[in-house]
Amino acid sequence: MSFADRFAGDVEEPEPPPEPVFHERPEWL
């Protein structure tokens, strides 16, 4: 048994990353 298998219960499933948000840079900048 590996270390990861033995302590698998301590590892929570990560939340999916948020959808990327596109920020349009104003043309005057």
PDB file of all heavy atoms in Angstrom:
ATOM      1  N   MET A   1       0.858  -1.194   0.000  1.00  0.00           N
ATOM      2  CA  MET A   1       0.000   0.000   0.000  1.00  0.00           C
ATOM      3  C   MET A   1       0.895   1.246   0.000  1.00  0.00           C
ATOM      4  O   MET A   1       1.832   1.348   0.801  1.00  0.00           O
ATOM      5  CB  MET A   1      -0.907   0.014   1.235  1.00  0.00           C
ATOM      6  CG  MET A   1      -1.751   1.290   1.359  1.00  0.00           C
ATOM      7  SD  MET A   1      -2.776   1.308   2.852  1.00  0.00           S
ATOM      8  CE  MET A   1      -3.917  -0.027   2.478  1.00  0.00           C
ATOM      9  N   SER A   2       0.586   2.141  -0.887  1.00  0.00           N
ATOM     10  CA  SER A   2       1.369   3.368  -0.957  1.00  0.00           C
ATOM     11  C   SER A   2       0.880   4.369   0.083  1.00  0.00           C
ATOM     12  O   SER A   2      -0.202   4.235   0.658  1.00  0.00           O
ATOM     13  CB  SER A   2       1.253   3.986  -2.350  1.00  0.00           C
ATOM     14  OG  SER A   2      -0.054   4.480  -2.566  1.00  0.00           O
ATOM     15  N   PHE A   3       1.676   5.394   0.332  1.00  0.00           N
ATOM     16  CA  PHE A   3       1.294   6.452   1.275  1.00  0.00           C
ATOM     17  C   PHE A   3       0.010   7.125   0.815  1.00  0.00           C
ATOM     18  O   PHE A   3      -0.898   7.386   1.606  1.00  0.00           O
ATOM     19  CB  PHE A   3       2.424   7.480   1.376  1.00  0.00           C
ATOM     20  CG  PHE A   3       2.203   8.531   2.425  1.00  0.00           C
ATOM     21  CD1 PHE A   3       2.684   8.374   3.706  1.00  0.00           C
ATOM     22  CD2 PHE A   3       1.491   9.689   2.131  1.00  0.00           C
ATOM     23  CE1 PHE A   3       2.477   9.333   4.681  1.00  0.00           C
ATOM     24  CE2 PHE A   3       1.271  10.655   3.095  1.00  0.00           C
ATOM     25  CZ  PHE A   3       1.771  10.480   4.377  1.00  0.00           C
ATOM     26  N   ALA A   4      -0.096   7.408  -0.501  1.00  0.00           N
ATOM     27  CA  ALA A   4      -1.279   8.077  -1.033  1.00  0.00           C
ATOM     28  C   ALA A   4      -2.528   7.225  -0.840  1.00  0.00           C
ATOM     29  O   ALA A   4      -3.604   7.735  -0.532  1.00  0.00           O
ATOM     30  CB  ALA A   4      -1.079   8.406  -2.510  1.00  0.00           C
ATOM     31  N   ASP A   5      -2.374   5.863  -1.010  1.00  0.00           N
ATOM     32  CA  ASP A   5      -3.524   4.977  -0.813  1.00  0.00           C
ATOM     33  C   ASP A   5      -3.953   4.962   0.648  1.00  0.00           C
ATOM     34  O   ASP A   5      -5.146   4.951   0.963  1.00  0.00           O
ATOM     35  CB  ASP A   5      -3.182   3.559  -1.268  1.00  0.00           C
ATOM     36  CG  ASP A   5      -3.019   3.465  -2.773  1.00  0.00           C
ATOM     37  OD1 ASP A   5      -3.612   4.322  -3.472  1.00  0.00           O
ATOM     38  OD2 ASP A   5      -2.302   2.563  -3.235  1.00  0.00           O
ATOM     39  N   ARG A   6      -2.983   4.978   1.550  1.00  0.00           N
ATOM     40  CA  ARG A   6      -3.298   4.885   2.977  1.00  0.00           C
ATOM     41  C   ARG A   6      -4.031   6.116   3.495  1.00  0.00           C
ATOM     42  O   ARG A   6      -4.899   6.028   4.353  1.00  0.00           O
ATOM     43  CB  ARG A   6      -2.011   4.671   3.757  1.00  0.00           C
ATOM     44  CG  ARG A   6      -2.257   4.462   5.248  1.00  0.00           C
ATOM     45  CD  ARG A   6      -1.016   3.959   5.932  1.00  0.00           C
ATOM     46  NE  ARG A   6      -1.250   3.696   7.344  1.00  0.00           N
ATOM     47  CZ  ARG A   6      -0.353   3.169   8.169  1.00  0.00           C
ATOM     48  NH1 ARG A   6       0.840   2.830   7.688  1.00  0.00           N
ATOM     49  NH2 ARG A   6      -0.632   2.964   9.440  1.00  0.00           N
ATOM     50  N   PHE A   7      -3.666   7.293   2.940  1.00  0.00           N
ATOM     51  CA  PHE A   7      -4.274   8.535   3.421  1.00  0.00           C
ATOM     52  C   PHE A   7      -5.173   9.180   2.373  1.00  0.00           C
ATOM     53  O   PHE A   7      -5.369  10.389   2.366  1.00  0.00           O
ATOM     54  CB  PHE A   7      -3.174   9.522   3.828  1.00  0.00           C
ATOM     55  CG  PHE A   7      -2.374   9.067   5.015  1.00  0.00           C
ATOM     56  CD1 PHE A   7      -1.165   8.427   4.846  1.00  0.00           C
ATOM     57  CD2 PHE A   7      -2.860   9.244   6.299  1.00  0.00           C
ATOM     58  CE1 PHE A   7      -0.426   7.994   5.932  1.00  0.00           C
ATOM     59  CE2 PHE A   7      -2.130   8.818   7.396  1.00  0.00           C
ATOM     60  CZ  PHE A   7      -0.907   8.186   7.210  1.00  0.00           C
ATOM     61  N   ALA A   8      -5.736   8.373   1.531  1.00  0.00           N
ATOM     62  CA  ALA A   8      -6.575   8.909   0.460  1.00  0.00           C
ATOM     63  C   ALA A   8      -7.769   9.668   0.991  1.00  0.00           C
ATOM     64  O   ALA A   8      -8.259  10.619   0.370  1.00  0.00           O
ATOM     65  CB  ALA A   8      -7.040   7.783  -0.459  1.00  0.00           C
ATOM     66  N   GLY A   9      -8.264   9.283   2.173  1.00  0.00           N
ATOM     67  CA  GLY A   9      -9.434   9.955   2.727  1.00  0.00           C
ATOM     68  C   GLY A   9      -9.171  11.387   3.126  1.00  0.00           C
ATOM     69  O   GLY A   9     -10.107  12.168   3.335  1.00  0.00           O
ATOM     70  N   ASP A  10      -7.890  11.763   3.297  1.00  0.00           N
ATOM     71  CA  ASP A  10      -7.557  13.142   3.678  1.00  0.00           C
ATOM     72  C   ASP A  10      -7.526  14.087   2.492  1.00  0.00           C
ATOM     73  O   ASP A  10      -7.403  15.297   2.660  1.00  0.00           O
ATOM     74  CB  ASP A  10      -6.185  13.182   4.373  1.00  0.00           C
ATOM     75  CG  ASP A  10      -6.227  12.518   5.747  1.00  0.00           C
ATOM     76  OD1 ASP A  10      -7.344  12.383   6.277  1.00  0.00           O
ATOM     77  OD2 ASP A  10      -5.162  12.156   6.255  1.00  0.00           O
ATOM     78  N   VAL A  11      -7.595  13.553   1.285  1.00  0.00           N
ATOM     79  CA  VAL A  11      -7.480  14.384   0.081  1.00  0.00           C
ATOM     80  C   VAL A  11      -8.865  14.653  -0.471  1.00  0.00           C
ATOM     81  O   VAL A  11      -9.580  13.716  -0.848  1.00  0.00           O
ATOM     82  CB  VAL A  11      -6.610  13.702  -0.998  1.00  0.00           C
ATOM     83  CG1 VAL A  11      -6.510  14.584  -2.224  1.00  0.00           C
ATOM     84  CG2 VAL A  11      -5.225  13.390  -0.424  1.00  0.00           C
ATOM     85  N   GLU A  12      -9.263  15.899  -0.479  1.00  0.00           N
ATOM     86  CA  GLU A  12     -10.575  16.271  -1.000  1.00  0.00           C
ATOM     87  C   GLU A  12     -10.486  16.537  -2.495  1.00  0.00           C
ATOM     88  O   GLU A  12      -9.464  17.003  -3.003  1.00  0.00           O
ATOM     89  CB  GLU A  12     -11.088  17.528  -0.289  1.00  0.00           C
ATOM     90  CG  GLU A  12     -11.312  17.329   1.200  1.00  0.00           C
ATOM     91  CD  GLU A  12     -11.851  18.588   1.852  1.00  0.00           C
ATOM     92  OE1 GLU A  12     -12.000  19.606   1.131  1.00  0.00           O
ATOM     93  OE2 GLU A  12     -12.131  18.556   3.064  1.00  0.00           O
ATOM     94  N   GLU A  13     -11.569  16.200  -3.159  1.00  0.00           N
ATOM     95  CA  GLU A  13     -11.624  16.468  -4.583  1.00  0.00           C
ATOM     96  C   GLU A  13     -11.595  17.985  -4.808  1.00  0.00           C
ATOM     97  O   GLU A  13     -12.385  18.723  -4.209  1.00  0.00           O
ATOM     98  CB  GLU A  13     -12.905  15.897  -5.189  1.00  0.00           C
ATOM     99  CG  GLU A  13     -12.913  14.398  -5.314  1.00  0.00           C
ATOM    100  CD  GLU A  13     -11.897  13.917  -6.336  1.00  0.00           C
ATOM    101  OE1 GLU A  13     -11.679  14.657  -7.331  1.00  0.00           O
ATOM    102  OE2 GLU A  13     -11.318  12.844  -6.140  1.00  0.00           O
ATOM    103  N   PRO A  14     -10.679  18.464  -5.619  1.00  0.00           N
ATOM    104  CA  PRO A  14     -10.622  19.912  -5.843  1.00  0.00           C
ATOM    105  C   PRO A  14     -11.840  20.401  -6.619  1.00  0.00           C
ATOM    106  O   PRO A  14     -12.408  19.680  -7.460  1.00  0.00           O
ATOM    107  CB  PRO A  14      -9.346  20.084  -6.670  1.00  0.00           C
ATOM    108  CG  PRO A  14      -9.164  18.773  -7.375  1.00  0.00           C
ATOM    109  CD  PRO A  14      -9.685  17.733  -6.406  1.00  0.00           C
ATOM    110  N   GLU A  15     -12.245  21.615  -6.301  1.00  0.00           N
ATOM    111  CA  GLU A  15     -13.350  22.206  -7.046  1.00  0.00           C
ATOM    112  C   GLU A  15     -12.864  22.589  -8.443  1.00  0.00           C
ATOM    113  O   GLU A  15     -11.712  22.987  -8.626  1.00  0.00           O
ATOM    114  CB  GLU A  15     -13.870  23.443  -6.323  1.00  0.00           C
ATOM    115  CG  GLU A  15     -14.494  23.154  -4.980  1.00  0.00           C
ATOM    116  CD  GLU A  15     -15.073  24.403  -4.354  1.00  0.00           C
ATOM    117  OE1 GLU A  15     -15.034  25.473  -5.011  1.00  0.00           O
ATOM    118  OE2 GLU A  15     -15.561  24.315  -3.217  1.00  0.00           O
ATOM    119  N   PRO A  16     -13.740  22.452  -9.417  1.00  0.00           N
ATOM    120  CA  PRO A  16     -13.317  22.828 -10.776  1.00  0.00           C
ATOM    121  C   PRO A  16     -12.988  24.320 -10.827  1.00  0.00           C
ATOM    122  O   PRO A  16     -13.624  25.133 -10.153  1.00  0.00           O
ATOM    123  CB  PRO A  16     -14.545  22.497 -11.635  1.00  0.00           C
ATOM    124  CG  PRO A  16     -15.698  22.497 -10.670  1.00  0.00           C
ATOM    125  CD  PRO A  16     -15.143  22.017  -9.369  1.00  0.00           C
ATOM    126  N   PRO A  17     -11.985  24.678 -11.599  1.00  0.00           N
ATOM    127  CA  PRO A  17     -11.616  26.096 -11.691  1.00  0.00           C
ATOM    128  C   PRO A  17     -12.746  26.900 -12.338  1.00  0.00           C
ATOM    129  O   PRO A  17     -13.521  26.364 -13.146  1.00  0.00           O
ATOM    130  CB  PRO A  17     -10.372  26.078 -12.586  1.00  0.00           C
ATOM    131  CG  PRO A  17     -10.492  24.822 -13.389  1.00  0.00           C
ATOM    132  CD  PRO A  17     -11.177  23.838 -12.479  1.00  0.00           C
ATOM    133  N   PRO A  18     -12.872  28.163 -11.970  1.00  0.00           N
ATOM    134  CA  PRO A  18     -13.931  28.985 -12.562  1.00  0.00           C
ATOM    135  C   PRO A  18     -13.684  29.212 -14.047  1.00  0.00           C
ATOM    136  O   PRO A  18     -12.547  29.136 -14.530  1.00  0.00           O
ATOM    137  CB  PRO A  18     -13.834  30.308 -11.793  1.00  0.00           C
ATOM    138  CG  PRO A  18     -12.423  30.336 -11.286  1.00  0.00           C
ATOM    139  CD  PRO A  18     -12.058  28.920 -11.013  1.00  0.00           C
ATOM    140  N   GLU A  19     -14.751  29.452 -14.763  1.00  0.00           N
ATOM    141  CA  GLU A  19     -14.621  29.739 -16.183  1.00  0.00           C
ATOM    142  C   GLU A  19     -13.829  31.032 -16.368  1.00  0.00           C
ATOM    143  O   GLU A  19     -14.032  32.010 -15.641  1.00  0.00           O
ATOM    144  CB  GLU A  19     -16.007  29.906 -16.820  1.00  0.00           C
ATOM    145  CG  GLU A  19     -16.793  28.615 -16.928  1.00  0.00           C
ATOM    146  CD  GLU A  19     -16.152  27.662 -17.923  1.00  0.00           C
ATOM    147  OE1 GLU A  19     -15.605  28.135 -18.947  1.00  0.00           O
ATOM    148  OE2 GLU A  19     -16.186  26.438 -17.680  1.00  0.00           O
ATOM    149  N   PRO A  20     -12.894  31.035 -17.312  1.00  0.00           N
ATOM    150  CA  PRO A  20     -12.121  32.264 -17.541  1.00  0.00           C
ATOM    151  C   PRO A  20     -13.031  33.399 -18.000  1.00  0.00           C
ATOM    152  O   PRO A  20     -13.980  33.192 -18.757  1.00  0.00           O
ATOM    153  CB  PRO A  20     -11.124  31.857 -18.639  1.00  0.00           C
ATOM    154  CG  PRO A  20     -11.748  30.677 -19.309  1.00  0.00           C
ATOM    155  CD  PRO A  20     -12.521  29.962 -18.241  1.00  0.00           C
ATOM    156  N   VAL A  21     -12.734  34.577 -17.514  1.00  0.00           N
ATOM    157  CA  VAL A  21     -13.506  35.764 -17.875  1.00  0.00           C
ATOM    158  C   VAL A  21     -12.665  36.633 -18.802  1.00  0.00           C
ATOM    159  O   VAL A  21     -11.521  36.963 -18.482  1.00  0.00           O
ATOM    160  CB  VAL A  21     -13.908  36.578 -16.626  1.00  0.00           C
ATOM    161  CG1 VAL A  21     -14.672  37.835 -17.022  1.00  0.00           C
ATOM    162  CG2 VAL A  21     -14.743  35.710 -15.690  1.00  0.00           C
ATOM    163  N   PHE A  22     -13.220  36.960 -19.941  1.00  0.00           N
ATOM    164  CA  PHE A  22     -12.513  37.799 -20.902  1.00  0.00           C
ATOM    165  C   PHE A  22     -12.809  39.269 -20.600  1.00  0.00           C
ATOM    166  O   PHE A  22     -13.954  39.685 -20.581  1.00  0.00           O
ATOM    167  CB  PHE A  22     -12.950  37.466 -22.333  1.00  0.00           C
ATOM    168  CG  PHE A  22     -12.366  38.406 -23.360  1.00  0.00           C
ATOM    169  CD1 PHE A  22     -11.020  38.375 -23.659  1.00  0.00           C
ATOM    170  CD2 PHE A  22     -13.178  39.324 -24.000  1.00  0.00           C
ATOM    171  CE1 PHE A  22     -10.480  39.245 -24.597  1.00  0.00           C
ATOM    172  CE2 PHE A  22     -12.650  40.195 -24.944  1.00  0.00           C
ATOM    173  CZ  PHE A  22     -11.300  40.148 -25.238  1.00  0.00           C
ATOM    174  N   HIS A  23     -11.753  40.017 -20.311  1.00  0.00           N
ATOM    175  CA  HIS A  23     -11.892  41.447 -20.062  1.00  0.00           C
ATOM    176  C   HIS A  23     -11.344  42.210 -21.270  1.00  0.00           C
ATOM    177  O   HIS A  23     -10.157  42.113 -21.589  1.00  0.00           O
ATOM    178  CB  HIS A  23     -11.133  41.863 -18.796  1.00  0.00           C
ATOM    179  CG  HIS A  23     -11.671  41.241 -17.546  1.00  0.00           C
ATOM    180  ND1 HIS A  23     -12.814  41.694 -16.922  1.00  0.00           N
ATOM    181  CD2 HIS A  23     -11.233  40.186 -16.804  1.00  0.00           C
ATOM    182  CE1 HIS A  23     -13.054  40.969 -15.849  1.00  0.00           C
ATOM    183  NE2 HIS A  23     -12.113  40.040 -15.761  1.00  0.00           N
ATOM    184  N   GLU A  24     -12.212  42.922 -21.905  1.00  0.00           N
ATOM    185  CA  GLU A  24     -11.799  43.669 -23.085  1.00  0.00           C
ATOM    186  C   GLU A  24     -11.114  44.954 -22.670  1.00  0.00           C
ATOM    187  O   GLU A  24     -11.655  45.762 -21.920  1.00  0.00           O
ATOM    188  CB  GLU A  24     -13.025  44.002 -23.948  1.00  0.00           C
ATOM    189  CG  GLU A  24     -12.677  44.770 -25.213  1.00  0.00           C
ATOM    190  CD  GLU A  24     -13.929  45.130 -25.985  1.00  0.00           C
ATOM    191  OE1 GLU A  24     -15.021  44.698 -25.577  1.00  0.00           O
ATOM    192  OE2 GLU A  24     -13.801  45.847 -26.985  1.00  0.00           O
ATOM    193  N   ARG A  25      -9.882  45.160 -23.127  1.00  0.00           N
ATOM    194  CA  ARG A  25      -9.156  46.379 -22.806  1.00  0.00           C
ATOM    195  C   ARG A  25      -9.675  47.514 -23.669  1.00  0.00           C
ATOM    196  O   ARG A  25      -9.749  47.388 -24.892  1.00  0.00           O
ATOM    197  CB  ARG A  25      -7.657  46.204 -23.047  1.00  0.00           C
ATOM    198  CG  ARG A  25      -6.845  47.413 -22.613  1.00  0.00           C
ATOM    199  CD  ARG A  25      -5.384  47.236 -22.912  1.00  0.00           C
ATOM    200  NE  ARG A  25      -5.133  47.250 -24.349  1.00  0.00           N
ATOM    201  CZ  ARG A  25      -3.931  47.131 -24.906  1.00  0.00           C
ATOM    202  NH1 ARG A  25      -2.885  46.941 -24.126  1.00  0.00           N
ATOM    203  NH2 ARG A  25      -3.776  47.149 -26.201  1.00  0.00           N
ATOM    204  N   PRO A  26     -10.042  48.630 -23.055  1.00  0.00           N
ATOM    205  CA  PRO A  26     -10.506  49.771 -23.857  1.00  0.00           C
ATOM    206  C   PRO A  26      -9.439  50.209 -24.855  1.00  0.00           C
ATOM    207  O   PRO A  26      -8.246  50.199 -24.547  1.00  0.00           O
ATOM    208  CB  PRO A  26     -10.769  50.852 -22.808  1.00  0.00           C
ATOM    209  CG  PRO A  26     -11.021  50.111 -21.546  1.00  0.00           C
ATOM    210  CD  PRO A  26     -10.134  48.898 -21.610  1.00  0.00           C
ATOM    211  N   GLU A  27      -9.858  50.592 -26.046  1.00  0.00           N
ATOM    212  CA  GLU A  27      -8.896  50.910 -27.094  1.00  0.00           C
ATOM    213  C   GLU A  27      -8.084  52.150 -26.784  1.00  0.00           C
ATOM    214  O   GLU A  27      -6.991  52.343 -27.333  1.00  0.00           O
ATOM    215  CB  GLU A  27      -9.601  51.072 -28.445  1.00  0.00           C
ATOM    216  CG  GLU A  27     -10.546  52.261 -28.520  1.00  0.00           C
ATOM    217  CD  GLU A  27     -11.037  52.488 -29.949  1.00  0.00           C
ATOM    218  OE1 GLU A  27     -10.588  51.752 -30.847  1.00  0.00           O
ATOM    219  OE2 GLU A  27     -11.813  53.409 -30.150  1.00  0.00           O
ATOM    220  N   TRP A  28      -8.575  53.017 -25.889  1.00  0.00           N
ATOM    221  CA  TRP A  28      -7.819  54.230 -25.594  1.00  0.00           C
ATOM    222  C   TRP A  28      -6.662  53.967 -24.627  1.00  0.00           C
ATOM    223  O   TRP A  28      -5.854  54.853 -24.369  1.00  0.00           O
ATOM    224  CB  TRP A  28      -8.727  55.303 -25.029  1.00  0.00           C
ATOM    225  CG  TRP A  28      -9.443  54.943 -23.764  1.00  0.00           C
ATOM    226  CD1 TRP A  28      -8.990  55.081 -22.484  1.00  0.00           C
ATOM    227  CD2 TRP A  28     -10.753  54.390 -23.664  1.00  0.00           C
ATOM    228  NE1 TRP A  28      -9.922  54.638 -21.602  1.00  0.00           N
ATOM    229  CE2 TRP A  28     -11.029  54.209 -22.285  1.00  0.00           C
ATOM    230  CE3 TRP A  28     -11.736  54.033 -24.593  1.00  0.00           C
ATOM    231  CZ2 TRP A  28     -12.231  53.686 -21.824  1.00  0.00           C
ATOM    232  CZ3 TRP A  28     -12.925  53.503 -24.124  1.00  0.00           C
ATOM    233  CH2 TRP A  28     -13.162  53.343 -22.768  1.00  0.00           C
ATOM    234  N   LEU A  29      -6.545  52.752 -24.099  1.00  0.00           N
ATOM    235  CA  LEU A  29      -5.467  52.448 -23.164  1.00  0.00           C
ATOM    236  C   LEU A  29      -4.213  51.910 -23.836  1.00  0.00           C
ATOM    237  O   LEU A  29      -3.247  51.580 -23.162  1.00  0.00           O
ATOM    238  CB  LEU A  29      -5.945  51.443 -22.108  1.00  0.00           C
ATOM    239  CG  LEU A  29      -6.910  52.003 -21.070  1.00  0.00           C
ATOM    240  CD1 LEU A  29      -7.243  50.943 -20.035  1.00  0.00           C
ATOM    241  CD2 LEU A  29      -6.335  53.240 -20.390  1.00  0.00           C
TER     242      LEU A  29
END
